[in-house]
Amino acid sequence: RLYGLPLRMTMDNGSPWGDQTGVYTALEVWLMSQGIKVGHSRPYHPQTQGKLERFHRSLKREVLQGQLFIDLDDAQRAFDIWRDIYNQKRPHQALNMQVPATRYSSSSREYQEQPAAPEYDDGDVVRKVQVKGEIYWRNREYMVGKAFYGRSVAIRETTEDGIHDVYWSRHRIARIDLNLQVVTAGKKI
């Protein structure tokens, strides 16, 4: 609400960002509903997000190491003081000795309290995702992912005989093969 929305977020594969490889999480679906592209680093490859790892090392060394906080408010005060120093006062070598605040600007993309529901084409078959992450179509159950529970998805015919893609908004989340009566769901379709 305060700073606007990023275009994209890259995250690691641990909870809550990606509990299981290839499976969408509720947080990812919420981010995508805000129009944020979601990407993941390679598993067990922290170098993908080196600047974030470096940030965490500084935070741990300068604020957390050896500290005992009375309560959450005490910890928040320490974080607030350090955040001001880190962003406003301390120059960073990677920024030609400038402070991060000199490089930052808010996003013009506004947060949406109630993102619009996806709109689907007239030729799409629309189904609502049930509590276990399943949809029902042609007298069969197909699992598309629990993260989509309560949301409407569209089933679209492809150019391949018996193959249908399942979309949530503009994201393909599953593929149904009517010939084999199987569904492949997740991020790597």
C-alpha atoms as a PDB file:
ATOM      1  CA  ARG A   1       0.000   0.000   0.000  1.00  0.00           C
ATOM      2  CA  LEU A   2       2.754   2.422   0.909  1.00  0.00           C
ATOM      3  CA  TYR A   3       5.443   1.725  -1.691  1.00  0.00           C
ATOM      4  CA  GLY A   4       3.533   0.228  -4.635  1.00  0.00           C
ATOM      5  CA  LEU A   5       3.964  -3.117  -6.324  1.00  0.00           C
ATOM      6  CA  PRO A   6       7.088  -4.553  -7.905  1.00  0.00           C
ATOM      7  CA  LEU A   7       6.919  -5.981 -11.411  1.00  0.00           C
ATOM      8  CA  ARG A   8       8.653  -9.175 -10.349  1.00  0.00           C
ATOM      9  CA  MET A   9       9.876 -11.019  -7.264  1.00  0.00           C
ATOM     10  CA  THR A  10      12.564 -13.682  -7.156  1.00  0.00           C
ATOM     11  CA  MET A  11      12.523 -15.884  -4.088  1.00  0.00           C
ATOM     12  CA  ASP A  12      14.046 -19.067  -2.762  1.00  0.00           C
ATOM     13  CA  ASN A  13      12.243 -22.384  -2.550  1.00  0.00           C
ATOM     14  CA  GLY A  14      11.640 -22.628   1.195  1.00  0.00           C
ATOM     15  CA  SER A  15       8.435 -21.966   3.073  1.00  0.00           C
ATOM     16  CA  PRO A  16       6.351 -19.880   2.431  1.00  0.00           C
ATOM     17  CA  TRP A  17       7.787 -19.125  -0.999  1.00  0.00           C
ATOM     18  CA  GLY A  18       7.800 -22.615  -2.467  1.00  0.00           C
ATOM     19  CA  ASP A  19       7.081 -25.423  -0.022  1.00  0.00           C
ATOM     20  CA  GLN A  20       7.405 -28.136  -2.666  1.00  0.00           C
ATOM     21  CA  THR A  21       9.255 -27.933  -5.950  1.00  0.00           C
ATOM     22  CA  GLY A  22       6.870 -27.016  -8.740  1.00  0.00           C
ATOM     23  CA  VAL A  23       3.777 -26.573  -6.532  1.00  0.00           C
ATOM     24  CA  TYR A  24       2.172 -23.147  -6.281  1.00  0.00           C
ATOM     25  CA  THR A  25       1.747 -21.719  -2.791  1.00  0.00           C
ATOM     26  CA  ALA A  26      -1.111 -19.507  -1.629  1.00  0.00           C
ATOM     27  CA  LEU A  27       1.372 -16.641  -1.250  1.00  0.00           C
ATOM     28  CA  GLU A  28       2.497 -17.005  -4.879  1.00  0.00           C
ATOM     29  CA  VAL A  29      -1.104 -17.014  -6.094  1.00  0.00           C
ATOM     30  CA  TRP A  30      -1.811 -13.880  -4.048  1.00  0.00           C
ATOM     31  CA  LEU A  31       1.265 -12.157  -5.509  1.00  0.00           C
ATOM     32  CA  MET A  32       0.207 -13.181  -9.030  1.00  0.00           C
ATOM     33  CA  SER A  33      -3.300 -11.816  -8.354  1.00  0.00           C
ATOM     34  CA  GLN A  34      -1.587  -8.450  -7.774  1.00  0.00           C
ATOM     35  CA  GLY A  35       0.102  -8.743 -11.190  1.00  0.00           C
ATOM     36  CA  ILE A  36       3.531  -9.576  -9.767  1.00  0.00           C
ATOM     37  CA  LYS A  37       5.594 -12.073 -11.755  1.00  0.00           C
ATOM     38  CA  VAL A  38       6.978 -14.754  -9.454  1.00  0.00           C
ATOM     39  CA  GLY A  39      10.313 -16.472 -10.039  1.00  0.00           C
ATOM     40  CA  HIS A  40      12.478 -18.828  -7.998  1.00  0.00           C
ATOM     41  CA  SER A  41      16.186 -19.306  -7.571  1.00  0.00           C
ATOM     42  CA  ARG A  42      17.700 -22.661  -8.363  1.00  0.00           C
ATOM     43  CA  PRO A  43      17.329 -25.031  -5.401  1.00  0.00           C
ATOM     44  CA  TYR A  44      20.415 -25.086  -3.155  1.00  0.00           C
ATOM     45  CA  HIS A  45      21.966 -22.209  -5.101  1.00  0.00           C
ATOM     46  CA  PRO A  46      22.052 -19.131  -2.805  1.00  0.00           C
ATOM     47  CA  GLN A  47      24.320 -17.297  -5.272  1.00  0.00           C
ATOM     48  CA  THR A  48      21.194 -16.541  -7.348  1.00  0.00           C
ATOM     49  CA  GLN A  49      20.256 -13.985  -4.724  1.00  0.00           C
ATOM     50  CA  GLY A  50      23.714 -12.956  -3.532  1.00  0.00           C
ATOM     51  CA  LYS A  51      22.705  -9.422  -2.574  1.00  0.00           C
ATOM     52  CA  LEU A  52      19.928 -10.760  -0.339  1.00  0.00           C
ATOM     53  CA  GLU A  53      22.301 -13.255   1.290  1.00  0.00           C
ATOM     54  CA  ARG A  54      24.754 -10.391   1.902  1.00  0.00           C
ATOM     55  CA  PHE A  55      21.964  -8.305   3.439  1.00  0.00           C
ATOM     56  CA  HIS A  56      21.030 -11.151   5.794  1.00  0.00           C
ATOM     57  CA  ARG A  57      24.674 -11.548   6.829  1.00  0.00           C
ATOM     58  CA  SER A  58      24.867  -7.830   7.722  1.00  0.00           C
ATOM     59  CA  LEU A  59      21.537  -7.934   9.574  1.00  0.00           C
ATOM     60  CA  LYS A  60      22.589 -10.954  11.589  1.00  0.00           C
ATOM     61  CA  ARG A  61      26.039  -9.556  12.441  1.00  0.00           C
ATOM     62  CA  GLU A  62      24.936  -6.006  13.244  1.00  0.00           C
ATOM     63  CA  VAL A  63      21.535  -6.492  14.880  1.00  0.00           C
ATOM     64  CA  LEU A  64      20.818 -10.074  15.881  1.00  0.00           C
ATOM     65  CA  GLN A  65      24.099 -11.655  16.935  1.00  0.00           C
ATOM     66  CA  GLY A  66      24.417 -11.787  20.702  1.00  0.00           C
ATOM     67  CA  GLN A  67      21.205  -9.790  21.251  1.00  0.00           C
ATOM     68  CA  LEU A  68      18.382 -10.690  23.569  1.00  0.00           C
ATOM     69  CA  PHE A  69      15.199  -8.730  22.974  1.00  0.00           C
ATOM     70  CA  ILE A  70      12.656  -8.174  25.744  1.00  0.00           C
ATOM     71  CA  ASP A  71       9.713  -8.536  23.375  1.00  0.00           C
ATOM     72  CA  LEU A  72       8.727  -8.009  19.737  1.00  0.00           C
ATOM     73  CA  ASP A  73       8.465  -4.238  20.202  1.00  0.00           C
ATOM     74  CA  ASP A  74      12.066  -4.163  21.455  1.00  0.00           C
ATOM     75  CA  ALA A  75      13.195  -6.164  18.417  1.00  0.00           C
ATOM     76  CA  GLN A  76      11.241  -3.878  16.076  1.00  0.00           C
ATOM     77  CA  ARG A  77      12.932  -0.796  17.550  1.00  0.00           C
ATOM     78  CA  ALA A  78      16.341  -2.352  16.866  1.00  0.00           C
ATOM     79  CA  PHE A  79      15.318  -3.209  13.286  1.00  0.00           C
ATOM     80  CA  ASP A  80      13.990   0.313  12.666  1.00  0.00           C
ATOM     81  CA  ILE A  81      17.203   1.964  13.863  1.00  0.00           C
ATOM     82  CA  TRP A  82      19.351  -0.372  11.778  1.00  0.00           C
ATOM     83  CA  ARG A  83      17.165   0.018   8.676  1.00  0.00           C
ATOM     84  CA  ASP A  84      17.669   3.783   8.782  1.00  0.00           C
ATOM     85  CA  ILE A  85      21.435   3.382   9.092  1.00  0.00           C
ATOM     86  CA  TYR A  86      21.590   0.713   6.355  1.00  0.00           C
ATOM     87  CA  ASN A  87      19.454   2.615   3.833  1.00  0.00           C
ATOM     88  CA  GLN A  88      20.062   6.304   4.656  1.00  0.00           C
ATOM     89  CA  LYS A  89      23.501   6.701   6.245  1.00  0.00           C
ATOM     90  CA  ARG A  90      25.938   3.917   5.437  1.00  0.00           C
ATOM     91  CA  PRO A  91      27.522   3.993   1.955  1.00  0.00           C
ATOM     92  CA  HIS A  92      27.644   0.705   0.036  1.00  0.00           C
ATOM     93  CA  GLN A  93      30.608  -0.320  -2.068  1.00  0.00           C
ATOM     94  CA  ALA A  94      28.339  -1.962  -4.657  1.00  0.00           C
ATOM     95  CA  LEU A  95      26.629   1.431  -5.149  1.00  0.00           C
ATOM     96  CA  ASN A  96      29.840   3.437  -5.694  1.00  0.00           C
ATOM     97  CA  MET A  97      29.744   4.433  -2.027  1.00  0.00           C
ATOM     98  CA  GLN A  98      26.219   5.834  -2.281  1.00  0.00           C
ATOM     99  CA  VAL A  99      23.461   4.903   0.163  1.00  0.00           C
ATOM    100  CA  PRO A 100      20.597   2.666  -1.039  1.00  0.00           C
ATOM    101  CA  ALA A 101      18.089   5.493  -0.585  1.00  0.00           C
ATOM    102  CA  THR A 102      19.703   7.301  -3.538  1.00  0.00           C
ATOM    103  CA  ARG A 103      18.692   4.428  -5.837  1.00  0.00           C
ATOM    104  CA  TYR A 104      15.186   3.784  -4.582  1.00  0.00           C
ATOM    105  CA  SER A 105      11.879   5.088  -5.874  1.00  0.00           C
ATOM    106  CA  SER A 106       8.365   3.903  -5.137  1.00  0.00           C
ATOM    107  CA  SER A 107       6.550   1.884  -7.752  1.00  0.00           C
ATOM    108  CA  SER A 108       3.801   3.568  -9.734  1.00  0.00           C
ATOM    109  CA  ARG A 109       1.873   0.278  -9.674  1.00  0.00           C
ATOM    110  CA  GLU A 110      -0.735   0.554  -6.932  1.00  0.00           C
ATOM    111  CA  TYR A 111      -1.722  -2.218  -4.545  1.00  0.00           C
ATOM    112  CA  GLN A 112      -5.250  -3.476  -5.202  1.00  0.00           C
ATOM    113  CA  GLU A 113      -7.349  -4.196  -2.116  1.00  0.00           C
ATOM    114  CA  GLN A 114      -9.653  -6.387  -4.185  1.00  0.00           C
ATOM    115  CA  PRO A 115      -7.951  -7.516  -7.402  1.00  0.00           C
ATOM    116  CA  ALA A 116     -10.364  -8.067 -10.258  1.00  0.00           C
ATOM    117  CA  ALA A 117     -11.412 -11.654 -10.831  1.00  0.00           C
ATOM    118  CA  PRO A 118      -9.897 -13.186 -13.960  1.00  0.00           C
ATOM    119  CA  GLU A 119     -11.966 -12.902 -17.100  1.00  0.00           C
ATOM    120  CA  TYR A 120     -12.040 -15.872 -19.433  1.00  0.00           C
ATOM    121  CA  ASP A 121     -12.932 -16.260 -23.107  1.00  0.00           C
ATOM    122  CA  ASP A 122     -16.362 -17.459 -24.260  1.00  0.00           C
ATOM    123  CA  GLY A 123     -14.873 -20.759 -25.483  1.00  0.00           C
ATOM    124  CA  ASP A 124     -13.289 -21.563 -22.115  1.00  0.00           C
ATOM    125  CA  VAL A 125     -14.771 -24.130 -19.760  1.00  0.00           C
ATOM    126  CA  VAL A 126     -14.706 -22.498 -16.324  1.00  0.00           C
ATOM    127  CA  ARG A 127     -14.514 -24.523 -13.118  1.00  0.00           C
ATOM    128  CA  LYS A 128     -14.123 -23.572  -9.460  1.00  0.00           C
ATOM    129  CA  VAL A 129     -11.214 -25.166  -7.595  1.00  0.00           C
ATOM    130  CA  GLN A 130     -12.403 -27.211  -4.632  1.00  0.00           C
ATOM    131  CA  VAL A 131     -10.894 -27.502  -1.135  1.00  0.00           C
ATOM    132  CA  LYS A 132      -8.310 -30.215  -1.922  1.00  0.00           C
ATOM    133  CA  GLY A 133      -7.222 -28.385  -5.085  1.00  0.00           C
ATOM    134  CA  GLU A 134      -9.379 -30.394  -7.466  1.00  0.00           C
ATOM    135  CA  ILE A 135     -11.693 -29.460 -10.316  1.00  0.00           C
ATOM    136  CA  TYR A 136     -14.377 -31.649 -11.863  1.00  0.00           C
ATOM    137  CA  TRP A 137     -14.737 -31.862 -15.614  1.00  0.00           C
ATOM    138  CA  ARG A 138     -16.215 -34.524 -17.873  1.00  0.00           C
ATOM    139  CA  ASN A 139     -17.128 -36.681 -14.890  1.00  0.00           C
ATOM    140  CA  ARG A 140     -13.550 -36.802 -13.642  1.00  0.00           C
ATOM    141  CA  GLU A 141     -11.546 -35.187 -10.878  1.00  0.00           C
ATOM    142  CA  TYR A 142      -8.328 -33.337 -11.777  1.00  0.00           C
ATOM    143  CA  MET A 143      -5.906 -31.901  -9.215  1.00  0.00           C
ATOM    144  CA  VAL A 144      -4.688 -28.410 -10.133  1.00  0.00           C
ATOM    145  CA  GLY A 145      -3.348 -27.264  -6.759  1.00  0.00           C
ATOM    146  CA  LYS A 146      -4.648 -26.362  -3.297  1.00  0.00           C
ATOM    147  CA  ALA A 147      -3.296 -22.823  -3.612  1.00  0.00           C
ATOM    148  CA  PHE A 148      -6.099 -22.107  -6.111  1.00  0.00           C
ATOM    149  CA  TYR A 149      -8.899 -23.175  -3.744  1.00  0.00           C
ATOM    150  CA  GLY A 150     -12.032 -21.077  -4.255  1.00  0.00           C
ATOM    151  CA  ARG A 151     -10.754 -19.542  -7.496  1.00  0.00           C
ATOM    152  CA  SER A 152     -12.154 -20.047 -10.959  1.00  0.00           C
ATOM    153  CA  VAL A 153      -9.931 -21.594 -13.609  1.00  0.00           C
ATOM    154  CA  ALA A 154     -10.394 -21.975 -17.361  1.00  0.00           C
ATOM    155  CA  ILE A 155      -9.916 -25.174 -19.335  1.00  0.00           C
ATOM    156  CA  ARG A 156      -8.790 -24.522 -22.908  1.00  0.00           C
ATOM    157  CA  GLU A 157      -8.415 -26.897 -25.797  1.00  0.00           C
ATOM    158  CA  THR A 158      -4.959 -26.969 -27.391  1.00  0.00           C
ATOM    159  CA  THR A 159      -3.939 -27.883 -30.937  1.00  0.00           C
ATOM    160  CA  GLU A 160      -2.875 -31.333 -29.684  1.00  0.00           C
ATOM    161  CA  ASP A 161      -5.599 -33.992 -29.803  1.00  0.00           C
ATOM    162  CA  GLY A 162      -7.016 -34.649 -26.318  1.00  0.00           C
ATOM    163  CA  ILE A 163      -4.776 -32.101 -24.584  1.00  0.00           C
ATOM    164  CA  HIS A 164      -6.293 -29.216 -22.626  1.00  0.00           C
ATOM    165  CA  ASP A 165      -4.534 -26.484 -20.669  1.00  0.00           C
ATOM    166  CA  VAL A 166      -5.855 -25.119 -17.378  1.00  0.00           C
ATOM    167  CA  TYR A 167      -5.380 -21.409 -16.739  1.00  0.00           C
ATOM    168  CA  TRP A 168      -5.820 -19.271 -13.703  1.00  0.00           C
ATOM    169  CA  SER A 169      -5.949 -15.709 -14.976  1.00  0.00           C
ATOM    170  CA  ARG A 170      -3.238 -15.602 -17.652  1.00  0.00           C
ATOM    171  CA  HIS A 171      -1.080 -18.276 -15.997  1.00  0.00           C
ATOM    172  CA  ARG A 172      -1.109 -21.854 -17.259  1.00  0.00           C
ATOM    173  CA  ILE A 173      -1.221 -23.962 -14.106  1.00  0.00           C
ATOM    174  CA  ALA A 174      -2.001 -27.458 -15.404  1.00  0.00           C
ATOM    175  CA  ARG A 175      -2.355 -29.646 -18.482  1.00  0.00           C
ATOM    176  CA  ILE A 176      -5.004 -32.337 -18.836  1.00  0.00           C
ATOM    177  CA  ASP A 177      -4.360 -35.285 -21.132  1.00  0.00           C
ATOM    178  CA  LEU A 178      -7.738 -36.880 -21.906  1.00  0.00           C
ATOM    179  CA  ASN A 179      -6.062 -39.727 -23.800  1.00  0.00           C
ATOM    180  CA  LEU A 180      -4.146 -40.893 -20.715  1.00  0.00           C
ATOM    181  CA  GLN A 181      -6.681 -39.448 -18.220  1.00  0.00           C
ATOM    182  CA  VAL A 182      -3.933 -37.609 -16.315  1.00  0.00           C
ATOM    183  CA  VAL A 183      -3.235 -34.077 -15.225  1.00  0.00           C
ATOM    184  CA  THR A 184       0.157 -32.454 -14.881  1.00  0.00           C
ATOM    185  CA  ALA A 185       0.017 -29.476 -12.553  1.00  0.00           C
ATOM    186  CA  GLY A 186       2.545 -26.975 -11.275  1.00  0.00           C
ATOM    187  CA  LYS A 187       5.055 -24.384 -12.371  1.00  0.00           C
ATOM    188  CA  LYS A 188       7.108 -26.524 -14.734  1.00  0.00           C
ATOM    189  CA  ILE A 189       4.460 -27.365 -17.327  1.00  0.00           C
END
